[in-house]
Each structure stands twice: as structure tokens, then as C-alpha cells.
Amino acid sequence: MRSLLVLALSALAPIAGLAAPASDVANGFELAKRENLCSLSKPPQLCTPNASVTPEETAIRAYKFYRAFVVDGDPRTMFSLIDNEYIQHNPGYRSGPQAIWSLFCSGRKIGSESSTDWCFDASTNMSYARYSVVDRWRWVGGCVHEHWDQGERFPDKSKCAKLPEGAV
């Protein structure tokens, strides 16, 4: 009798896994991706500027930063693209990545890719994210170096870099 029960359960186990709601599977993936790093007193890794990083590479990094900041809520990736200088132009915050660490360490996402937008303008070395506001960042050596978020305007799409196929 016991072996019959074990046999029945082992036969049904794979089917039960397929019956899980798709939203639960997606949410489980999303939760795994949204790492909470607030137990750390500072970001685990910051970006080291490198003058040899090209505008094309910076555009790819800017897209990864947008995804990490707005869409994925991924503080590890987000801060790995911010340099140690990080100049903040919002008067409510000090400069330096440490000053904003507690705001983003929990992996709080802001929006979805379909409800937000991003741009990297190579002519100014600035990237933008549009959600309920527009944020603007200046990139130096492939790293986020400065930030503005008050009264910013999203550039015309003709100025935005087109990422190479399969770049991200």
C-alpha cells in the first residue's frame, strides 16, 4: 500500500508543477531577480571610470542602468554602473553613491519597460529615464557620474542611440 502511494505521488508530481499559475512562476522569478541588499552598509561594487569606454559601450551600459533602476529593481547592477564621485543635483540629497544607497538597496522597481522609456544621447553623453518624472545622468568613462531630476525634458527620439541587435 505504501509503495503504491509513493508511486502515485511520483507520477503526479511533474503534473502538479505544471499546474502552478503562470503569475506565481513569473513573480518567483521577479522576486529572485530583485535582490535586497539593505543588510550591506554600502554598495557591493561601484564603477571605475575608464576613458577607453566607447559611446556605443556607454549606450549599452546606460540601457542596463535604466533596466536595473526602473524596470528590474536590481541594486547590484545599478550601483555597479555608478562611480564613486556621483554628483547629485537634487538639493534634497547629498552627493556620493552612499547618500542614495538606502533608497535603492531593497530592489524597489519603479515601472515596467512598456510604461517607461529610456534614451542615451551620445552627443551629450547623457542618459534619460522617463517614468512619472524624467531623470538625467551624465556618463564619464562608462560610469554614471552626475544626476538631475528636476524639470528635466526627455530628448527627441532621433537623438537616442539605437542599440546593436543582441547587445543586451
N, C-alpha and C. Protein backbone atom coordinates (compact mmCIF):
# COMPACT_ATOMS: atom_id res chain seq x y z
N MET A 1 0.83 -1.19 0.00
CA MET A 1 0.00 0.00 0.00
C MET A 1 0.87 1.26 0.00
N ARG A 2 1.91 1.26 0.86
CA ARG A 2 2.78 2.43 0.93
C ARG A 2 3.52 2.65 -0.38
N SER A 3 4.02 1.59 -1.00
CA SER A 3 4.74 1.73 -2.27
C SER A 3 3.80 2.20 -3.38
N LEU A 4 2.51 1.83 -3.32
CA LEU A 4 1.53 2.29 -4.29
C LEU A 4 1.33 3.81 -4.14
N LEU A 5 1.28 4.30 -2.90
CA LEU A 5 1.12 5.73 -2.64
C LEU A 5 2.34 6.50 -3.16
N VAL A 6 3.54 6.01 -2.89
CA VAL A 6 4.77 6.66 -3.37
C VAL A 6 4.78 6.68 -4.89
N LEU A 7 4.40 5.59 -5.53
CA LEU A 7 4.36 5.52 -6.98
C LEU A 7 3.36 6.52 -7.54
N ALA A 8 2.18 6.63 -6.94
CA ALA A 8 1.16 7.56 -7.41
C ALA A 8 1.64 9.01 -7.26
N LEU A 9 2.25 9.33 -6.12
CA LEU A 9 2.73 10.69 -5.90
C LEU A 9 3.86 11.05 -6.85
N SER A 10 4.76 10.12 -7.11
CA SER A 10 5.87 10.42 -8.01
C SER A 10 5.38 10.60 -9.44
N ALA A 11 4.32 9.93 -9.81
CA ALA A 11 3.75 10.09 -11.15
C ALA A 11 3.03 11.42 -11.30
N LEU A 12 2.39 11.90 -10.21
CA LEU A 12 1.62 13.14 -10.28
C LEU A 12 2.46 14.38 -10.01
N ALA A 13 3.61 14.26 -9.42
CA ALA A 13 4.42 15.43 -9.05
C ALA A 13 4.75 16.33 -10.24
N PRO A 14 5.20 15.78 -11.38
CA PRO A 14 5.50 16.67 -12.50
C PRO A 14 4.26 17.41 -13.02
N ILE A 15 3.11 16.78 -12.98
CA ILE A 15 1.87 17.41 -13.45
C ILE A 15 1.47 18.53 -12.50
N ALA A 16 1.64 18.33 -11.21
CA ALA A 16 1.29 19.36 -10.22
C ALA A 16 2.14 20.60 -10.43
N GLY A 17 3.40 20.42 -10.80
CA GLY A 17 4.28 21.57 -11.06
C GLY A 17 3.81 22.37 -12.25
N LEU A 18 3.27 21.70 -13.26
CA LEU A 18 2.76 22.40 -14.44
C LEU A 18 1.48 23.15 -14.14
N ALA A 19 0.79 22.77 -13.07
CA ALA A 19 -0.48 23.41 -12.75
C ALA A 19 -0.31 24.71 -11.98
N ALA A 20 0.92 25.08 -11.62
CA ALA A 20 1.13 26.33 -10.88
C ALA A 20 0.74 27.51 -11.77
N PRO A 21 0.05 28.49 -11.22
CA PRO A 21 -0.33 29.65 -12.02
C PRO A 21 0.89 30.34 -12.61
N ALA A 22 0.78 30.79 -13.85
CA ALA A 22 1.90 31.45 -14.52
C ALA A 22 2.36 32.68 -13.75
N SER A 23 1.43 33.41 -13.14
CA SER A 23 1.81 34.62 -12.41
C SER A 23 2.69 34.28 -11.21
N ASP A 24 2.45 33.14 -10.56
CA ASP A 24 3.29 32.74 -9.44
C ASP A 24 4.70 32.42 -9.92
N VAL A 25 4.80 31.77 -11.06
CA VAL A 25 6.10 31.43 -11.61
C VAL A 25 6.83 32.72 -11.97
N ALA A 26 6.14 33.64 -12.64
CA ALA A 26 6.75 34.90 -13.02
C ALA A 26 7.14 35.71 -11.79
N ASN A 27 6.27 35.75 -10.78
CA ASN A 27 6.58 36.50 -9.57
C ASN A 27 7.76 35.89 -8.83
N GLY A 28 7.86 34.58 -8.84
CA GLY A 28 9.00 33.93 -8.21
C GLY A 28 10.29 34.31 -8.90
N PHE A 29 10.26 34.38 -10.24
CA PHE A 29 11.43 34.79 -11.00
C PHE A 29 11.76 36.25 -10.69
N GLU A 30 10.73 37.08 -10.66
CA GLU A 30 10.93 38.51 -10.39
C GLU A 30 11.50 38.70 -8.99
N LEU A 31 10.99 37.98 -8.02
CA LEU A 31 11.49 38.12 -6.66
C LEU A 31 12.95 37.68 -6.57
N ALA A 32 13.29 36.63 -7.29
CA ALA A 32 14.67 36.18 -7.27
C ALA A 32 15.57 37.23 -7.90
N LYS A 33 15.09 37.92 -8.91
CA LYS A 33 15.87 38.92 -9.60
C LYS A 33 16.01 40.18 -8.75
N ARG A 34 15.02 40.50 -7.92
CA ARG A 34 15.02 41.70 -7.11
C ARG A 34 15.69 41.43 -5.77
N GLU A 35 16.98 41.50 -5.77
CA GLU A 35 17.80 41.20 -4.60
C GLU A 35 17.76 42.36 -3.60
N ASN A 36 17.50 42.05 -2.34
CA ASN A 36 17.52 43.05 -1.28
C ASN A 36 18.91 43.04 -0.64
N LEU A 37 19.62 44.17 -0.79
CA LEU A 37 20.98 44.27 -0.28
C LEU A 37 21.09 45.22 0.92
N CYS A 38 19.97 45.52 1.55
CA CYS A 38 19.98 46.51 2.64
C CYS A 38 20.75 46.05 3.87
N SER A 39 21.09 44.78 3.95
CA SER A 39 21.92 44.33 5.07
C SER A 39 23.37 44.80 4.91
N LEU A 40 23.72 45.23 3.70
CA LEU A 40 25.06 45.75 3.45
C LEU A 40 25.08 47.24 3.79
N SER A 41 26.13 47.70 4.40
CA SER A 41 26.21 49.11 4.79
C SER A 41 26.55 50.03 3.62
N LYS A 42 26.99 49.45 2.51
CA LYS A 42 27.34 50.24 1.33
C LYS A 42 27.17 49.38 0.09
N PRO A 43 27.14 50.00 -1.08
CA PRO A 43 27.02 49.21 -2.32
C PRO A 43 28.16 48.21 -2.44
N PRO A 44 27.88 47.00 -2.93
CA PRO A 44 28.92 45.98 -3.01
C PRO A 44 30.03 46.30 -4.00
N GLN A 45 29.69 47.00 -5.09
CA GLN A 45 30.70 47.33 -6.10
C GLN A 45 30.27 48.59 -6.82
N LEU A 46 31.21 49.49 -7.05
CA LEU A 46 30.95 50.70 -7.82
C LEU A 46 31.72 50.63 -9.13
N CYS A 47 31.39 51.52 -10.03
CA CYS A 47 32.01 51.56 -11.35
C CYS A 47 33.32 52.34 -11.29
N THR A 48 34.33 51.84 -11.97
CA THR A 48 35.60 52.55 -12.10
C THR A 48 35.66 53.15 -13.50
N PRO A 49 35.67 54.49 -13.60
CA PRO A 49 35.71 55.11 -14.93
C PRO A 49 36.92 54.67 -15.72
N ASN A 50 36.71 54.50 -17.03
CA ASN A 50 37.76 54.06 -17.93
C ASN A 50 37.61 54.87 -19.22
N ALA A 51 38.56 55.70 -19.52
CA ALA A 51 38.50 56.60 -20.67
C ALA A 51 38.38 55.87 -22.01
N SER A 52 38.72 54.58 -22.05
CA SER A 52 38.65 53.84 -23.31
C SER A 52 37.25 53.30 -23.62
N VAL A 53 36.29 53.47 -22.72
CA VAL A 53 34.92 53.01 -22.98
C VAL A 53 34.31 53.88 -24.08
N THR A 54 33.82 53.25 -25.13
CA THR A 54 33.28 53.97 -26.28
C THR A 54 31.85 54.45 -26.03
N PRO A 55 31.38 55.42 -26.84
CA PRO A 55 29.97 55.83 -26.73
C PRO A 55 29.00 54.67 -26.95
N GLU A 56 29.34 53.74 -27.83
CA GLU A 56 28.49 52.57 -28.08
C GLU A 56 28.40 51.69 -26.83
N GLU A 57 29.54 51.48 -26.18
CA GLU A 57 29.55 50.70 -24.94
C GLU A 57 28.79 51.44 -23.84
N THR A 58 28.94 52.76 -23.81
CA THR A 58 28.22 53.56 -22.81
C THR A 58 26.73 53.47 -23.02
N ALA A 59 26.28 53.46 -24.27
CA ALA A 59 24.84 53.32 -24.57
C ALA A 59 24.31 52.00 -24.02
N ILE A 60 25.06 50.93 -24.18
CA ILE A 60 24.66 49.62 -23.65
C ILE A 60 24.61 49.67 -22.13
N ARG A 61 25.62 50.28 -21.52
CA ARG A 61 25.64 50.42 -20.06
C ARG A 61 24.46 51.27 -19.58
N ALA A 62 24.15 52.33 -20.33
CA ALA A 62 23.03 53.21 -19.97
C ALA A 62 21.71 52.43 -20.00
N TYR A 63 21.56 51.56 -21.00
CA TYR A 63 20.34 50.74 -21.06
C TYR A 63 20.30 49.78 -19.87
N LYS A 64 21.43 49.15 -19.54
CA LYS A 64 21.48 48.25 -18.39
C LYS A 64 21.17 48.99 -17.09
N PHE A 65 21.66 50.23 -16.99
CA PHE A 65 21.37 51.05 -15.81
C PHE A 65 19.87 51.35 -15.72
N TYR A 66 19.29 51.75 -16.85
CA TYR A 66 17.84 52.01 -16.89
C TYR A 66 17.06 50.78 -16.44
N ARG A 67 17.41 49.62 -17.00
CA ARG A 67 16.72 48.37 -16.63
C ARG A 67 16.87 48.11 -15.13
N ALA A 68 18.09 48.23 -14.62
CA ALA A 68 18.34 47.95 -13.20
C ALA A 68 17.60 48.93 -12.30
N PHE A 69 17.58 50.20 -12.66
CA PHE A 69 16.97 51.24 -11.83
C PHE A 69 15.45 51.25 -11.94
N VAL A 70 14.93 51.24 -13.15
CA VAL A 70 13.49 51.44 -13.35
C VAL A 70 12.72 50.12 -13.44
N VAL A 71 13.16 49.22 -14.28
CA VAL A 71 12.36 48.04 -14.63
C VAL A 71 12.60 46.85 -13.71
N ASP A 72 13.84 46.55 -13.38
CA ASP A 72 14.15 45.33 -12.64
C ASP A 72 14.31 45.52 -11.14
N GLY A 73 14.59 46.74 -10.70
CA GLY A 73 14.85 46.94 -9.27
C GLY A 73 16.06 46.12 -8.83
N ASP A 74 17.17 46.28 -9.54
CA ASP A 74 18.38 45.48 -9.32
C ASP A 74 19.50 46.38 -8.79
N PRO A 75 19.61 46.53 -7.46
CA PRO A 75 20.59 47.46 -6.90
C PRO A 75 22.04 47.06 -7.17
N ARG A 76 22.32 45.77 -7.29
CA ARG A 76 23.70 45.34 -7.54
C ARG A 76 24.18 45.86 -8.89
N THR A 77 23.36 45.67 -9.93
CA THR A 77 23.73 46.15 -11.25
C THR A 77 23.71 47.67 -11.30
N MET A 78 22.69 48.27 -10.72
CA MET A 78 22.56 49.72 -10.72
C MET A 78 23.82 50.39 -10.16
N PHE A 79 24.25 49.97 -8.97
CA PHE A 79 25.39 50.62 -8.33
C PHE A 79 26.71 50.22 -8.97
N SER A 80 26.76 49.10 -9.66
CA SER A 80 28.00 48.72 -10.35
C SER A 80 28.25 49.63 -11.55
N LEU A 81 27.26 50.48 -11.90
CA LEU A 81 27.41 51.42 -13.00
C LEU A 81 27.51 52.87 -12.53
N ILE A 82 27.57 53.10 -11.22
CA ILE A 82 27.70 54.44 -10.65
C ILE A 82 29.12 54.60 -10.11
N ASP A 83 29.76 55.74 -10.42
CA ASP A 83 31.12 55.93 -9.92
C ASP A 83 31.13 56.46 -8.48
N ASN A 84 32.30 56.50 -7.90
CA ASN A 84 32.46 56.89 -6.51
C ASN A 84 32.22 58.39 -6.29
N GLU A 85 32.29 59.19 -7.35
CA GLU A 85 32.10 60.64 -7.25
C GLU A 85 30.61 61.02 -7.23
N TYR A 86 29.81 60.39 -8.03
CA TYR A 86 28.36 60.60 -8.18
C TYR A 86 27.86 61.94 -7.63
N ILE A 87 27.76 62.92 -8.52
CA ILE A 87 27.32 64.26 -8.14
C ILE A 87 25.80 64.34 -8.26
N GLN A 88 25.16 64.70 -7.18
CA GLN A 88 23.70 64.77 -7.10
C GLN A 88 23.26 66.23 -7.19
N HIS A 89 22.40 66.54 -8.16
CA HIS A 89 21.94 67.92 -8.33
C HIS A 89 20.56 68.15 -7.71
N ASN A 90 20.00 67.16 -7.08
CA ASN A 90 18.75 67.35 -6.34
C ASN A 90 19.12 67.89 -4.97
N PRO A 91 18.60 69.07 -4.60
CA PRO A 91 19.00 69.66 -3.33
C PRO A 91 18.59 68.85 -2.10
N GLY A 92 17.71 67.89 -2.27
CA GLY A 92 17.28 67.06 -1.14
C GLY A 92 18.23 65.93 -0.79
N TYR A 93 19.28 65.73 -1.60
CA TYR A 93 20.21 64.61 -1.39
C TYR A 93 21.65 65.08 -1.49
N ARG A 94 22.50 64.46 -0.71
CA ARG A 94 23.92 64.72 -0.81
C ARG A 94 24.48 63.98 -2.03
N SER A 95 25.69 64.35 -2.41
CA SER A 95 26.38 63.65 -3.50
C SER A 95 27.04 62.39 -2.95
N GLY A 96 27.43 61.52 -3.85
CA GLY A 96 28.07 60.26 -3.49
C GLY A 96 27.08 59.12 -3.50
N PRO A 97 27.49 57.95 -3.96
CA PRO A 97 26.56 56.81 -4.04
C PRO A 97 26.03 56.38 -2.68
N GLN A 98 26.80 56.59 -1.62
CA GLN A 98 26.36 56.20 -0.28
C GLN A 98 25.10 56.96 0.13
N ALA A 99 24.96 58.20 -0.35
CA ALA A 99 23.82 59.04 0.04
C ALA A 99 22.49 58.49 -0.47
N ILE A 100 22.52 57.70 -1.56
CA ILE A 100 21.26 57.15 -2.10
C ILE A 100 21.14 55.64 -1.91
N TRP A 101 22.15 55.02 -1.31
CA TRP A 101 22.15 53.57 -1.13
C TRP A 101 20.87 53.09 -0.43
N SER A 102 20.47 53.73 0.66
CA SER A 102 19.31 53.26 1.42
C SER A 102 18.01 53.39 0.63
N LEU A 103 17.97 54.25 -0.38
CA LEU A 103 16.77 54.40 -1.22
C LEU A 103 16.58 53.22 -2.18
N PHE A 104 17.69 52.62 -2.60
CA PHE A 104 17.62 51.63 -3.67
C PHE A 104 18.11 50.23 -3.28
N CYS A 105 18.68 50.06 -2.10
CA CYS A 105 19.25 48.76 -1.72
C CYS A 105 18.22 47.64 -1.67
N SER A 106 16.94 47.99 -1.49
CA SER A 106 15.91 46.94 -1.35
C SER A 106 15.45 46.38 -2.69
N GLY A 107 15.89 46.96 -3.79
CA GLY A 107 15.48 46.43 -5.09
C GLY A 107 14.10 46.90 -5.51
N ARG A 108 13.73 48.08 -5.08
CA ARG A 108 12.42 48.65 -5.43
C ARG A 108 12.40 49.00 -6.92
N LYS A 109 11.46 48.43 -7.64
CA LYS A 109 11.34 48.77 -9.05
C LYS A 109 10.34 49.90 -9.22
N ILE A 110 10.49 50.67 -10.28
CA ILE A 110 9.69 51.87 -10.47
C ILE A 110 8.59 51.66 -11.50
N GLY A 111 8.85 50.89 -12.53
CA GLY A 111 7.85 50.70 -13.58
C GLY A 111 8.22 49.54 -14.46
N SER A 112 7.47 49.39 -15.53
CA SER A 112 7.74 48.33 -16.49
C SER A 112 8.34 48.97 -17.75
N GLU A 113 8.92 48.15 -18.58
CA GLU A 113 9.50 48.68 -19.81
C GLU A 113 8.41 49.26 -20.72
N SER A 114 7.21 48.71 -20.65
CA SER A 114 6.13 49.21 -21.51
C SER A 114 5.54 50.53 -21.02
N SER A 115 5.73 50.87 -19.73
CA SER A 115 5.16 52.12 -19.20
C SER A 115 6.22 53.20 -18.96
N THR A 116 7.46 52.93 -19.37
CA THR A 116 8.55 53.88 -19.16
C THR A 116 9.36 53.97 -20.45
N ASP A 117 10.38 54.81 -20.46
CA ASP A 117 11.22 54.95 -21.65
C ASP A 117 12.63 55.32 -21.22
N TRP A 118 13.58 55.13 -22.11
CA TRP A 118 14.97 55.45 -21.83
C TRP A 118 15.61 56.02 -23.09
N CYS A 119 16.71 56.72 -22.92
CA CYS A 119 17.43 57.29 -24.05
C CYS A 119 18.88 57.49 -23.63
N PHE A 120 19.79 57.27 -24.56
CA PHE A 120 21.18 57.68 -24.38
C PHE A 120 21.53 58.57 -25.56
N ASP A 121 21.90 59.81 -25.27
CA ASP A 121 22.29 60.79 -26.29
C ASP A 121 23.81 60.87 -26.29
N ALA A 122 24.44 60.24 -27.28
CA ALA A 122 25.91 60.18 -27.34
C ALA A 122 26.52 61.56 -27.53
N SER A 123 25.78 62.50 -28.15
CA SER A 123 26.35 63.84 -28.39
C SER A 123 26.56 64.62 -27.08
N THR A 124 25.83 64.27 -26.04
CA THR A 124 25.98 64.94 -24.75
C THR A 124 26.49 64.00 -23.65
N ASN A 125 26.58 62.72 -23.99
CA ASN A 125 26.97 61.68 -23.02
C ASN A 125 26.01 61.63 -21.84
N MET A 126 24.73 61.82 -22.14
CA MET A 126 23.67 61.83 -21.13
C MET A 126 22.69 60.69 -21.40
N SER A 127 22.21 60.08 -20.32
CA SER A 127 21.11 59.12 -20.47
C SER A 127 19.92 59.65 -19.70
N TYR A 128 18.74 59.17 -20.10
CA TYR A 128 17.48 59.63 -19.53
C TYR A 128 16.60 58.43 -19.24
N ALA A 129 15.79 58.55 -18.20
CA ALA A 129 14.73 57.58 -17.92
C ALA A 129 13.46 58.39 -17.70
N ARG A 130 12.40 57.96 -18.38
CA ARG A 130 11.11 58.62 -18.21
C ARG A 130 10.15 57.64 -17.58
N TYR A 131 9.60 58.02 -16.45
CA TYR A 131 8.53 57.29 -15.76
C TYR A 131 7.60 58.38 -15.26
N SER A 132 7.31 58.52 -13.98
CA SER A 132 6.47 59.63 -13.51
C SER A 132 7.20 60.97 -13.59
N VAL A 133 8.52 60.95 -13.65
CA VAL A 133 9.37 62.12 -13.86
C VAL A 133 10.41 61.76 -14.92
N VAL A 134 11.28 62.70 -15.24
CA VAL A 134 12.41 62.40 -16.12
C VAL A 134 13.68 62.58 -15.31
N ASP A 135 14.50 61.54 -15.28
CA ASP A 135 15.83 61.60 -14.67
C ASP A 135 16.85 61.72 -15.78
N ARG A 136 17.94 62.43 -15.49
CA ARG A 136 19.03 62.58 -16.46
C ARG A 136 20.34 62.30 -15.75
N TRP A 137 21.23 61.56 -16.43
CA TRP A 137 22.55 61.21 -15.88
C TRP A 137 23.63 61.55 -16.89
N ARG A 138 24.73 62.10 -16.42
CA ARG A 138 25.91 62.30 -17.26
C ARG A 138 26.86 61.14 -17.00
N TRP A 139 27.38 60.58 -18.08
CA TRP A 139 28.29 59.44 -18.02
C TRP A 139 29.72 59.89 -18.27
N VAL A 140 30.65 59.39 -17.47
CA VAL A 140 32.07 59.68 -17.63
C VAL A 140 32.81 58.35 -17.56
N GLY A 141 33.57 58.05 -18.61
CA GLY A 141 34.35 56.81 -18.62
C GLY A 141 33.51 55.56 -18.46
N GLY A 142 32.28 55.59 -18.98
CA GLY A 142 31.40 54.42 -18.92
C GLY A 142 30.67 54.26 -17.59
N CYS A 143 30.70 55.30 -16.74
CA CYS A 143 30.04 55.24 -15.43
C CYS A 143 29.10 56.44 -15.24
N VAL A 144 28.03 56.23 -14.49
CA VAL A 144 27.15 57.33 -14.10
C VAL A 144 27.96 58.23 -13.17
N HIS A 145 28.02 59.52 -13.53
CA HIS A 145 28.83 60.46 -12.76
C HIS A 145 28.00 61.59 -12.13
N GLU A 146 26.91 61.98 -12.80
CA GLU A 146 26.08 63.08 -12.31
C GLU A 146 24.61 62.77 -12.54
N HIS A 147 23.75 63.37 -11.71
CA HIS A 147 22.30 63.11 -11.79
C HIS A 147 21.50 64.40 -11.60
N TRP A 148 20.46 64.55 -12.44
CA TRP A 148 19.48 65.63 -12.32
C TRP A 148 18.09 65.01 -12.39
N ASP A 149 17.12 65.58 -11.68
CA ASP A 149 15.75 65.05 -11.77
C ASP A 149 14.67 66.10 -11.55
N GLN A 150 15.00 67.35 -11.72
CA GLN A 150 14.00 68.40 -11.52
C GLN A 150 13.83 69.21 -12.80
N GLY A 151 12.64 69.12 -13.39
CA GLY A 151 12.34 69.86 -14.61
C GLY A 151 13.06 69.36 -15.84
N GLU A 152 13.52 68.12 -15.82
CA GLU A 152 14.24 67.56 -16.97
C GLU A 152 13.28 67.24 -18.10
N ARG A 153 13.76 67.33 -19.33
CA ARG A 153 12.96 67.01 -20.51
C ARG A 153 13.60 65.84 -21.24
N PHE A 154 12.74 64.93 -21.65
CA PHE A 154 13.19 63.77 -22.42
C PHE A 154 13.54 64.24 -23.83
N PRO A 155 14.70 63.83 -24.37
CA PRO A 155 15.08 64.30 -25.71
C PRO A 155 14.21 63.70 -26.81
N ASP A 156 14.25 64.33 -27.96
CA ASP A 156 13.60 63.79 -29.14
C ASP A 156 14.22 62.43 -29.45
N LYS A 157 13.39 61.47 -29.80
CA LYS A 157 13.86 60.09 -30.04
C LYS A 157 14.94 60.02 -31.12
N SER A 158 14.99 61.00 -32.02
CA SER A 158 16.01 60.98 -33.07
C SER A 158 17.42 61.13 -32.48
N LYS A 159 17.54 61.66 -31.26
CA LYS A 159 18.83 61.82 -30.60
C LYS A 159 19.25 60.58 -29.81
N CYS A 160 18.33 59.64 -29.64
CA CYS A 160 18.60 58.47 -28.80
C CYS A 160 19.35 57.39 -29.57
N ALA A 161 20.34 56.82 -28.91
CA ALA A 161 21.15 55.75 -29.51
C ALA A 161 20.29 54.53 -29.79
N LYS A 162 20.59 53.86 -30.87
CA LYS A 162 19.96 52.58 -31.20
C LYS A 162 20.95 51.49 -30.80
N LEU A 163 20.52 50.58 -29.96
CA LEU A 163 21.40 49.52 -29.50
C LEU A 163 21.60 48.49 -30.62
N PRO A 164 22.82 47.97 -30.75
CA PRO A 164 23.05 46.91 -31.74
C PRO A 164 22.20 45.68 -31.42
N GLU A 165 21.78 44.99 -32.43
CA GLU A 165 20.99 43.76 -32.28
C GLU A 165 21.73 42.78 -31.38
N GLY A 166 21.04 42.30 -30.34
CA GLY A 166 21.61 41.31 -29.43
C GLY A 166 22.62 41.86 -28.44
N ALA A 167 22.70 43.20 -28.31
CA ALA A 167 23.70 43.81 -27.42
C ALA A 167 23.37 43.61 -25.95
N VAL A 168 22.10 43.48 -25.62
CA VAL A 168 21.69 43.30 -24.22
C VAL A 168 20.75 42.14 -24.09
